[in-house]
Protein backbone atom coordinates (compact mmCIF):
# COMPACT_ATOMS: atom_id res chain seq x y z
CA MET A 1 -27.64 -46.82 -11.51
CA ARG A 2 -28.04 -45.73 -15.12
CA THR A 3 -28.22 -42.12 -14.00
CA LEU A 4 -24.94 -42.53 -12.10
CA ALA A 5 -23.31 -44.15 -15.11
CA LYS A 6 -24.47 -41.31 -17.33
CA SER A 7 -23.25 -38.72 -14.85
CA ALA A 8 -19.81 -40.38 -14.84
CA VAL A 9 -19.64 -40.22 -18.62
CA VAL A 10 -20.85 -36.62 -18.74
CA LEU A 11 -18.46 -35.42 -16.06
CA ALA A 12 -15.49 -37.26 -17.59
CA LEU A 13 -16.35 -35.94 -21.04
CA LEU A 14 -16.59 -32.39 -19.72
CA ALA A 15 -13.19 -32.73 -18.04
CA ALA A 16 -11.69 -34.11 -21.24
CA LEU A 17 -13.04 -31.17 -23.25
CA ILE A 18 -11.76 -28.61 -20.73
CA SER A 19 -8.34 -30.24 -20.84
CA PHE A 20 -8.40 -30.21 -24.64
CA THR A 21 -9.12 -26.48 -24.52
CA LYS A 22 -6.06 -25.98 -22.34
CA PHE A 23 -3.90 -27.45 -25.11
CA ASP A 24 -5.60 -25.51 -27.89
CA ASN A 25 -3.08 -22.66 -27.94
CA CYS A 26 -0.39 -25.10 -29.04
CA ARG A 27 -2.76 -26.79 -31.49
CA THR A 28 -3.37 -23.42 -33.09
CA ASN A 29 0.11 -21.89 -32.93
CA GLY A 30 2.34 -24.94 -32.93
CA TRP A 31 4.35 -26.75 -30.29
CA ALA A 32 7.54 -24.71 -30.09
CA PRO A 33 9.44 -23.42 -27.05
CA PRO A 34 9.14 -21.22 -25.17
CA GLY A 35 5.52 -20.67 -26.27
CA ASP A 36 4.36 -24.19 -25.44
CA TYR A 37 5.85 -23.83 -21.95
CA ILE A 38 4.51 -20.31 -21.36
CA HIS A 39 0.99 -21.45 -22.21
CA ALA A 40 1.43 -24.78 -20.35
CA CYS A 41 0.32 -26.74 -23.40
CA TYR A 42 3.44 -28.81 -24.06
CA SER A 43 2.69 -32.42 -25.04
CA ASP A 44 4.88 -35.43 -25.80
CA LEU A 45 2.31 -36.52 -28.40
CA PRO A 46 3.40 -34.18 -31.23
CA ALA A 47 6.96 -33.84 -29.88
CA LEU A 48 7.78 -37.55 -30.17
CA PHE A 49 5.74 -37.86 -33.36
CA GLY A 50 8.48 -35.91 -35.07
CA GLU A 51 11.52 -36.73 -32.94
CA ARG A 52 11.08 -40.53 -33.07
CA GLY A 53 10.30 -40.70 -36.78
CA LEU A 54 6.66 -41.65 -36.30
CA ILE A 55 5.75 -38.91 -38.76
CA ASN A 56 7.29 -41.22 -41.38
CA HIS A 57 5.63 -44.29 -39.83
CA ASN A 58 8.98 -45.66 -38.67
CA TRP A 59 8.77 -48.74 -36.47
CA PRO A 60 9.18 -47.38 -32.92
CA TYR A 61 11.94 -49.84 -31.92
CA SER A 62 13.94 -50.00 -35.13
CA SER A 63 16.70 -47.66 -33.91
CA ALA A 64 19.07 -48.40 -31.04
CA THR A 65 19.61 -44.67 -30.48
CA ASN A 66 16.21 -43.17 -31.32
CA ALA A 67 13.67 -45.81 -30.32
CA VAL A 68 10.68 -44.66 -28.29
CA GLU A 69 11.40 -44.60 -24.56
CA TYR A 70 8.35 -46.63 -23.59
CA PRO A 71 7.35 -50.29 -23.19
CA PRO A 72 5.88 -52.11 -26.24
CA ILE A 73 2.15 -51.45 -25.93
CA THR A 74 2.67 -47.69 -25.70
CA GLY A 75 5.18 -47.85 -28.55
CA VAL A 76 2.74 -49.73 -30.77
CA VAL A 77 -0.04 -47.25 -29.93
CA MET A 78 2.29 -44.39 -30.89
CA TRP A 79 3.15 -46.11 -34.17
CA ALA A 80 -0.36 -47.32 -35.08
CA THR A 81 -1.98 -43.94 -34.52
CA SER A 82 0.52 -42.37 -36.92
CA PHE A 83 -1.36 -44.19 -39.70
CA LEU A 84 -4.71 -42.86 -38.48
CA ALA A 85 -3.57 -39.25 -38.51
CA SER A 86 -4.35 -37.52 -41.77
CA ASP A 87 -1.39 -36.46 -43.93
CA SER A 88 -3.26 -33.39 -45.10
CA GLY A 89 -2.96 -30.12 -43.21
CA ASN A 90 -0.94 -29.94 -40.01
CA LYS A 91 0.36 -33.47 -39.41
CA TYR A 92 1.41 -32.73 -35.84
CA ARG A 93 -2.01 -31.40 -34.93
CA ASN A 94 -3.72 -34.33 -36.66
CA TYR A 95 -1.58 -36.79 -34.71
CA PHE A 96 -2.29 -34.98 -31.45
CA ASP A 97 -6.03 -34.95 -32.14
CA ILE A 98 -6.30 -38.67 -32.91
CA ASN A 99 -4.33 -39.61 -29.79
CA ALA A 100 -6.28 -37.11 -27.70
CA LEU A 101 -9.50 -38.81 -28.83
CA PHE A 102 -8.27 -42.19 -27.60
CA ILE A 103 -7.02 -40.66 -24.35
CA ALA A 104 -10.40 -39.01 -23.76
CA LEU A 105 -12.13 -42.36 -24.24
CA LEU A 106 -9.67 -44.03 -21.86
CA PHE A 107 -10.30 -41.31 -19.31
CA ILE A 108 -14.05 -41.82 -19.54
CA GLY A 109 -13.50 -45.56 -19.10
CA SER A 110 -11.23 -44.93 -16.09
CA VAL A 111 -13.86 -42.75 -14.41
CA ILE A 112 -16.54 -45.41 -14.96
CA LEU A 113 -14.26 -48.09 -13.54
CA LEU A 114 -13.37 -45.89 -10.58
CA LYS A 115 -17.08 -45.37 -9.91
CA ARG A 116 -17.41 -49.13 -9.48
CA LEU A 117 -14.38 -49.30 -7.23
CA LYS A 118 -15.15 -46.23 -5.11
CA PRO A 119 -18.76 -45.08 -5.59
CA GLU A 120 -18.45 -42.51 -2.76
CA PHE A 121 -15.60 -40.47 -4.25
CA TRP A 122 -15.28 -41.35 -7.96
CA TYR A 123 -16.40 -37.84 -8.99
CA LEU A 124 -13.16 -36.38 -7.61
CA LEU A 125 -11.16 -37.75 -10.54
CA PRO A 126 -12.82 -35.75 -13.34
CA ILE A 127 -12.89 -32.55 -11.27
CA ALA A 128 -9.33 -32.82 -9.93
CA PRO A 129 -7.58 -29.73 -11.37
CA ALA A 130 -4.12 -31.29 -11.79
CA VAL A 131 -5.66 -34.25 -13.59
CA VAL A 132 -7.64 -32.05 -15.98
CA ALA A 133 -4.49 -30.03 -16.68
CA SER A 134 -2.46 -33.13 -17.56
CA LEU A 135 -4.64 -35.44 -19.66
CA TYR A 136 -2.94 -34.93 -23.01
CA ILE A 137 0.72 -34.64 -22.01
CA ASN A 138 1.49 -38.30 -22.66
CA TRP A 139 0.01 -41.75 -23.25
CA ASP A 140 -0.12 -42.68 -19.54
CA LEU A 141 -3.85 -43.34 -19.41
CA TRP A 142 -3.34 -46.48 -21.49
CA ALA A 143 -1.57 -47.94 -18.44
CA VAL A 144 -3.79 -46.30 -15.83
CA ILE A 145 -6.99 -48.00 -16.97
CA SER A 146 -5.38 -51.44 -17.12
CA ALA A 147 -3.85 -50.94 -13.64
CA LEU A 148 -7.29 -50.00 -12.29
CA ALA A 149 -8.71 -53.10 -13.94
CA ALA A 150 -6.04 -55.23 -12.22
CA ILE A 151 -7.02 -53.74 -8.85
CA TYR A 152 -10.73 -54.18 -9.54
CA TYR A 153 -10.43 -57.86 -10.46
CA PHE A 154 -8.00 -58.60 -7.62
CA ASP A 155 -10.32 -57.24 -4.95
CA LYS A 156 -13.21 -59.21 -6.47
CA GLY A 157 -11.14 -62.39 -6.15
CA GLN A 158 -10.73 -62.85 -9.92
CA ASN A 159 -6.98 -63.36 -9.74
CA ASN A 160 -6.43 -64.59 -13.29
CA LYS A 161 -8.09 -61.55 -14.83
CA SER A 162 -6.18 -59.32 -12.44
CA ALA A 163 -2.81 -60.88 -13.31
CA ILE A 164 -3.52 -60.56 -17.05
CA ALA A 165 -4.54 -56.90 -16.66
CA LEU A 166 -1.43 -56.17 -14.57
CA GLY A 167 0.85 -57.88 -17.10
CA VAL A 168 -0.68 -55.73 -19.84
CA SER A 169 -0.31 -52.61 -17.70
CA ILE A 170 3.38 -53.25 -16.98
CA ALA A 171 3.93 -53.80 -20.70
CA THR A 172 2.34 -50.39 -21.29
CA LYS A 173 4.03 -48.26 -18.65
CA PHE A 174 6.45 -49.83 -16.21
CA PHE A 175 5.22 -48.17 -12.99
CA PRO A 176 2.42 -50.70 -12.23
CA ILE A 177 5.12 -53.27 -11.42
CA VAL A 178 5.27 -51.82 -7.90
CA LEU A 179 1.71 -53.07 -7.30
CA LEU A 180 3.23 -56.54 -6.99
CA LEU A 181 4.47 -55.62 -3.51
CA PRO A 182 1.05 -54.97 -1.92
CA ILE A 183 -0.36 -57.92 -3.88
CA THR A 184 2.34 -60.14 -2.41
CA LEU A 185 1.67 -58.84 1.10
CA ILE A 186 -2.05 -59.52 0.78
CA PHE A 187 -1.45 -63.08 -0.41
CA PHE A 188 0.93 -63.62 2.51
CA ARG A 189 -1.65 -62.26 4.93
CA LYS A 190 -4.15 -64.73 3.53
CA SER A 191 -1.57 -67.56 3.65
CA LYS A 192 -2.19 -68.22 -0.05
CA ILE A 193 1.38 -68.80 -1.19
CA LYS A 194 0.42 -71.08 -4.09
CA ASP A 195 -2.03 -68.44 -5.36
CA LEU A 196 0.73 -65.83 -5.08
CA ILE A 197 3.18 -67.93 -7.09
CA TYR A 198 0.55 -68.56 -9.77
CA TYR A 199 -0.34 -64.86 -9.88
CA LEU A 200 3.30 -63.85 -10.31
CA LEU A 201 3.86 -66.51 -12.97
CA LEU A 202 0.77 -65.46 -14.94
CA THR A 203 1.65 -61.76 -14.74
CA THR A 204 5.21 -62.50 -15.88
CA THR A 205 3.98 -64.76 -18.68
CA ILE A 206 1.64 -62.08 -20.05
CA TRP A 207 4.45 -59.52 -19.85
CA LEU A 208 6.85 -61.88 -21.67
CA LEU A 209 4.32 -62.78 -24.37
CA ILE A 210 3.95 -59.08 -25.17
CA ASN A 211 7.66 -58.24 -24.91
CA LEU A 212 9.35 -61.28 -26.48
CA PRO A 213 8.55 -60.38 -30.12
CA PHE A 214 10.29 -57.03 -29.54
CA ILE A 215 13.18 -58.58 -27.62
CA ILE A 216 13.80 -61.06 -30.44
CA THR A 217 13.35 -58.77 -33.45
CA THR A 218 14.62 -55.39 -32.22
CA PRO A 219 16.48 -56.03 -28.95
CA THR A 220 18.51 -52.81 -28.82
CA GLY A 221 15.50 -50.64 -29.59
CA TRP A 222 13.42 -52.48 -27.01
CA PHE A 223 16.19 -52.15 -24.40
CA ARG A 224 16.55 -48.39 -24.91
CA PHE A 225 13.76 -47.75 -22.39
CA PHE A 226 15.71 -49.53 -19.66
CA LYS A 227 19.02 -48.02 -20.78
CA LEU A 228 17.74 -44.45 -20.62
CA ASN A 229 16.26 -44.97 -17.17
CA SER A 230 19.46 -46.47 -15.82
CA GLU A 231 21.60 -43.66 -17.27
CA ARG A 232 19.23 -40.83 -16.34
CA GLY A 233 20.54 -38.32 -13.82
CA ALA A 234 18.54 -36.19 -11.42
CA ASP A 235 15.72 -35.21 -13.75
CA TRP A 236 12.76 -32.81 -13.82
CA GLY A 237 10.44 -32.84 -10.85
CA SER A 238 12.41 -35.20 -8.63
CA ILE A 239 13.60 -34.44 -5.13
CA TRP A 240 17.11 -35.13 -6.44
CA HIS A 241 16.77 -32.35 -9.02
CA ALA A 242 15.56 -29.94 -6.32
CA LEU A 243 18.60 -30.80 -4.22
CA GLU A 244 20.87 -30.13 -7.20
CA ILE A 245 19.28 -26.72 -7.70
CA PHE A 246 20.04 -25.95 -4.05
CA GLY A 247 23.65 -26.97 -4.63
CA ILE A 248 23.52 -30.47 -3.14
CA ASN A 249 24.94 -32.88 -5.71
CA VAL A 250 24.04 -36.50 -5.06
CA VAL A 251 26.56 -39.19 -5.98
CA GLN A 252 25.59 -42.76 -6.90
CA LEU A 253 22.08 -41.58 -7.67
CA ASN A 254 20.87 -44.91 -9.07
CA LEU A 255 21.88 -46.69 -5.89
CA LEU A 256 20.56 -43.97 -3.60
CA SER A 257 17.14 -43.69 -5.25
CA LEU A 258 16.80 -47.48 -5.20
CA LEU A 259 17.86 -47.55 -1.55
CA VAL A 260 15.35 -44.85 -0.59
CA PHE A 261 12.59 -46.77 -2.35
CA ALA A 262 13.62 -50.04 -0.72
CA VAL A 263 13.72 -48.58 2.80
CA ALA A 264 10.37 -46.80 2.39
CA ALA A 265 8.83 -49.92 0.86
CA PHE A 266 10.12 -51.97 3.78
CA PHE A 267 8.38 -49.71 6.30
CA PHE A 268 5.27 -49.76 4.12
CA ALA A 269 5.34 -53.55 4.25
CA LEU A 270 5.68 -53.50 8.05
CA PHE A 271 2.73 -51.17 8.29
CA VAL A 272 0.54 -53.26 5.99
CA TYR A 273 1.46 -56.47 7.81
CA GLY A 274 0.54 -54.86 11.12
CA ILE A 275 -2.97 -53.88 10.03
CA ALA A 276 -5.53 -55.79 12.08
CA GLU A 277 -7.66 -56.77 9.09
CA ILE A 278 -6.35 -57.80 5.70
CA PRO A 279 -6.61 -54.66 3.53
CA SER A 280 -7.92 -54.52 -0.01
CA LEU A 281 -5.48 -53.79 -2.81
CA ALA A 282 -7.48 -50.66 -3.64
CA SER A 283 -6.94 -49.28 -0.14
CA ILE A 284 -3.13 -49.59 -0.12
CA ALA A 285 -1.99 -49.36 -3.76
CA PHE A 286 -1.71 -45.57 -3.58
CA PHE A 287 0.98 -45.63 -0.91
CA ILE A 288 3.47 -47.81 -2.79
CA VAL A 289 3.06 -45.77 -5.98
CA ALA A 290 3.52 -42.56 -3.95
CA ILE A 291 6.75 -44.00 -2.55
CA PHE A 292 7.87 -44.99 -6.03
CA VAL A 293 7.36 -41.57 -7.62
CA THR A 294 8.94 -39.79 -4.65
CA ALA A 295 12.10 -41.90 -4.74
CA SER A 296 12.27 -41.83 -8.54
CA LYS A 297 14.84 -39.84 -10.50
CA VAL A 298 12.10 -38.05 -12.44
CA TYR A 299 8.58 -36.79 -11.84
CA SER A 300 6.74 -35.77 -14.99
CA PRO A 301 3.55 -33.68 -14.60
CA GLN A 302 1.36 -36.46 -15.98
CA TYR A 303 2.35 -38.78 -13.12
CA VAL A 304 -0.53 -37.22 -11.23
CA LEU A 305 -2.70 -39.38 -13.51
CA TRP A 306 -1.18 -42.45 -11.89
CA LEU A 307 -1.61 -41.18 -8.36
CA THR A 308 -5.04 -39.56 -8.32
CA PRO A 309 -7.28 -42.59 -8.99
CA LEU A 310 -5.31 -44.59 -6.42
CA ALA A 311 -5.53 -41.74 -3.92
CA ILE A 312 -9.30 -41.70 -4.33
CA LEU A 313 -9.40 -45.46 -3.74
CA ALA A 314 -7.41 -45.04 -0.51
CA MET A 315 -9.68 -42.34 0.92
CA VAL A 316 -11.64 -43.42 3.96
CA ASP A 317 -14.30 -40.80 4.69
CA LYS A 318 -15.57 -37.38 3.63
CA ARG A 319 -13.02 -35.59 5.81
CA ASP A 320 -10.30 -36.82 3.45
CA ARG A 321 -11.62 -34.53 0.74
CA PHE A 322 -9.96 -31.48 2.32
CA ASP A 323 -6.59 -33.24 2.37
CA PHE A 324 -7.18 -34.39 -1.20
CA TRP A 325 -7.71 -30.81 -2.38
CA VAL A 326 -4.64 -29.55 -0.54
CA TRP A 327 -2.54 -32.16 -2.34
CA GLN A 328 -4.21 -31.53 -5.71
CA PHE A 329 -3.55 -27.80 -5.59
CA ALA A 330 0.08 -28.47 -4.68
CA GLU A 331 0.23 -30.67 -7.79
CA LEU A 332 -1.38 -27.88 -9.81
CA ILE A 333 1.20 -25.37 -8.55
CA TYR A 334 3.93 -27.77 -9.60
CA HIS A 335 2.23 -28.30 -12.97
CA PHE A 336 2.51 -24.63 -13.87
CA ALA A 337 5.87 -24.20 -12.15
CA ILE A 338 7.64 -26.74 -14.33
CA TRP A 339 6.37 -25.16 -17.55
CA GLN A 340 7.32 -21.67 -16.46
CA TYR A 341 10.75 -22.87 -15.37
CA LEU A 342 11.24 -24.62 -18.73
CA ALA A 343 10.17 -21.35 -20.36
CA GLU A 344 12.93 -19.62 -18.42
CA VAL A 345 15.44 -22.28 -19.52
CA SER A 346 14.23 -21.80 -23.11
CA GLY A 347 14.90 -18.05 -23.01
CA ALA A 348 11.52 -16.56 -22.16
CA LYS A 349 11.66 -13.06 -20.71
CA PHE A 350 8.98 -13.71 -18.09
CA ALA A 351 9.27 -16.99 -16.20
CA ILE A 352 10.27 -18.31 -12.79
CA PRO A 353 13.82 -18.88 -11.53
CA ALA A 354 15.31 -22.23 -10.57
CA GLY A 355 14.86 -21.64 -6.84
CA ALA A 356 11.11 -21.12 -7.20
CA TYR A 357 10.87 -24.28 -9.27
CA ALA A 358 12.78 -26.27 -6.64
CA PHE A 359 10.41 -24.92 -3.99
CA ALA A 360 7.44 -26.14 -6.07
CA ILE A 361 8.99 -29.61 -6.20
CA LEU A 362 9.41 -29.71 -2.42
CA LEU A 363 5.88 -28.35 -1.94
CA ARG A 364 4.47 -31.12 -4.12
CA ILE A 365 6.41 -33.84 -2.31
CA SER A 366 5.46 -32.43 1.10
CA ALA A 367 1.76 -32.30 0.18
CA LEU A 368 1.84 -35.86 -1.18
CA THR A 369 3.57 -37.12 1.98
CA TRP A 370 1.17 -35.22 4.24
CA PHE A 371 -1.89 -36.51 2.37
CA SER A 372 -0.58 -40.10 2.52
CA LEU A 373 0.09 -39.95 6.26
CA ARG A 374 -3.29 -38.37 6.94
CA ILE A 375 -5.06 -41.28 5.26
CA MET A 376 -2.90 -43.89 6.98
CA ARG A 377 -3.70 -42.47 10.38
CA LYS A 378 -7.47 -42.78 9.95
CA SER A 379 -9.14 -44.60 12.80
CA THR A 380 -10.72 -47.38 10.75
CA PRO A 381 -10.33 -51.17 10.76
CA GLU A 382 -7.81 -50.86 7.92
CA PHE A 383 -5.86 -47.80 9.01
CA ALA A 384 -6.03 -47.63 12.79
CA PRO A 385 -3.60 -45.49 14.83
CA GLN A 386 -2.46 -48.52 16.80
CA ASN A 387 -0.96 -49.90 13.60
CA LEU A 388 1.40 -46.94 13.49
CA GLU A 389 2.52 -48.03 16.95
CA PHE A 390 3.17 -51.48 15.53
CA LEU A 391 5.27 -49.91 12.80
CA SER A 392 7.25 -47.92 15.34
CA ASN A 393 7.85 -50.94 17.57
CA ALA A 394 8.80 -53.11 14.62
CA SER A 395 11.26 -50.56 13.29
CA GLN A 396 12.90 -50.35 16.70
CA GLY A 397 13.21 -54.10 16.75
CA TYR A 398 15.04 -54.05 13.41
CA ALA A 399 17.33 -51.16 14.39
């Protein structure tokens, strides 16, 4: 057991160092377009350090127009680490380095936690190429590890710890809120409605306790995260942006993206409720997050950090590894495509055109969908083919 634990640490540390090397060109030469795009080393860490006034230690929610576009825990991390970065030398590089150190530690912790959750396939996380390429783009791993903790405690029956971890995760990065759907379905399958209500109340209470100080003291700065997301158009990486590139302009995008998510989530719920045995949260969490990022108005390259641990948890047997690698390499193609397209937008002489970028988006979405369906069709107690027949029959009944 100790050997396995050590191997998890070593493999995660090696992946973190390789990823750090990928970003070294920007650390050495500065984060400026189109160079940071050409070398695929762009990072929000130094970019927002300057743009959001963190270089001057400004409170991240003090401005209604320039507050950080993240929930409170991430904002506080961004602000607090500005004091840890040395003022001597290159401030931007110092800030990147201190945050990269924390991210590396979080990644190691995530790999160790994943090893407990999925001892057969945990090693796929630190060797997944798209994951290694994306570690230091943003602060997402602060939310990933708490979301994994919520899943771990939930499947062990420690609901209070799970609800607390999930409340913290939602207050760090909003995407884990979609985990409440599979959690609700599992409670319903177990006929534990009182436990569900308590879980939801505890999760909401933790979220409110973290958010209320910001809501009371700097409400407009705190609300900027929600405002930007509601006003955002078809943004980088989304299927909506690909459609725009191909000349298909979508109207009422907020409503349409929400509708697509709702319809897909409805069919997901039908599928889960038709499974013969009550599934674990670990085995189904991936699918709802995959639906969420596919319907979303934006898909940033670091979102693969959300998906990959959950994908590993959903895998059933060794045959899934081939499908996993197909999806990962599609993500890697997209990873480099977006930077080269942004290089083209920024005036680089050698980059890729918009059409190629749109194709990379569709390739990524197709691979994610294919991988998801392949896992769902596995002939196991949790994902048996007859359950797809249930889904088909149920959908016809609702038509």
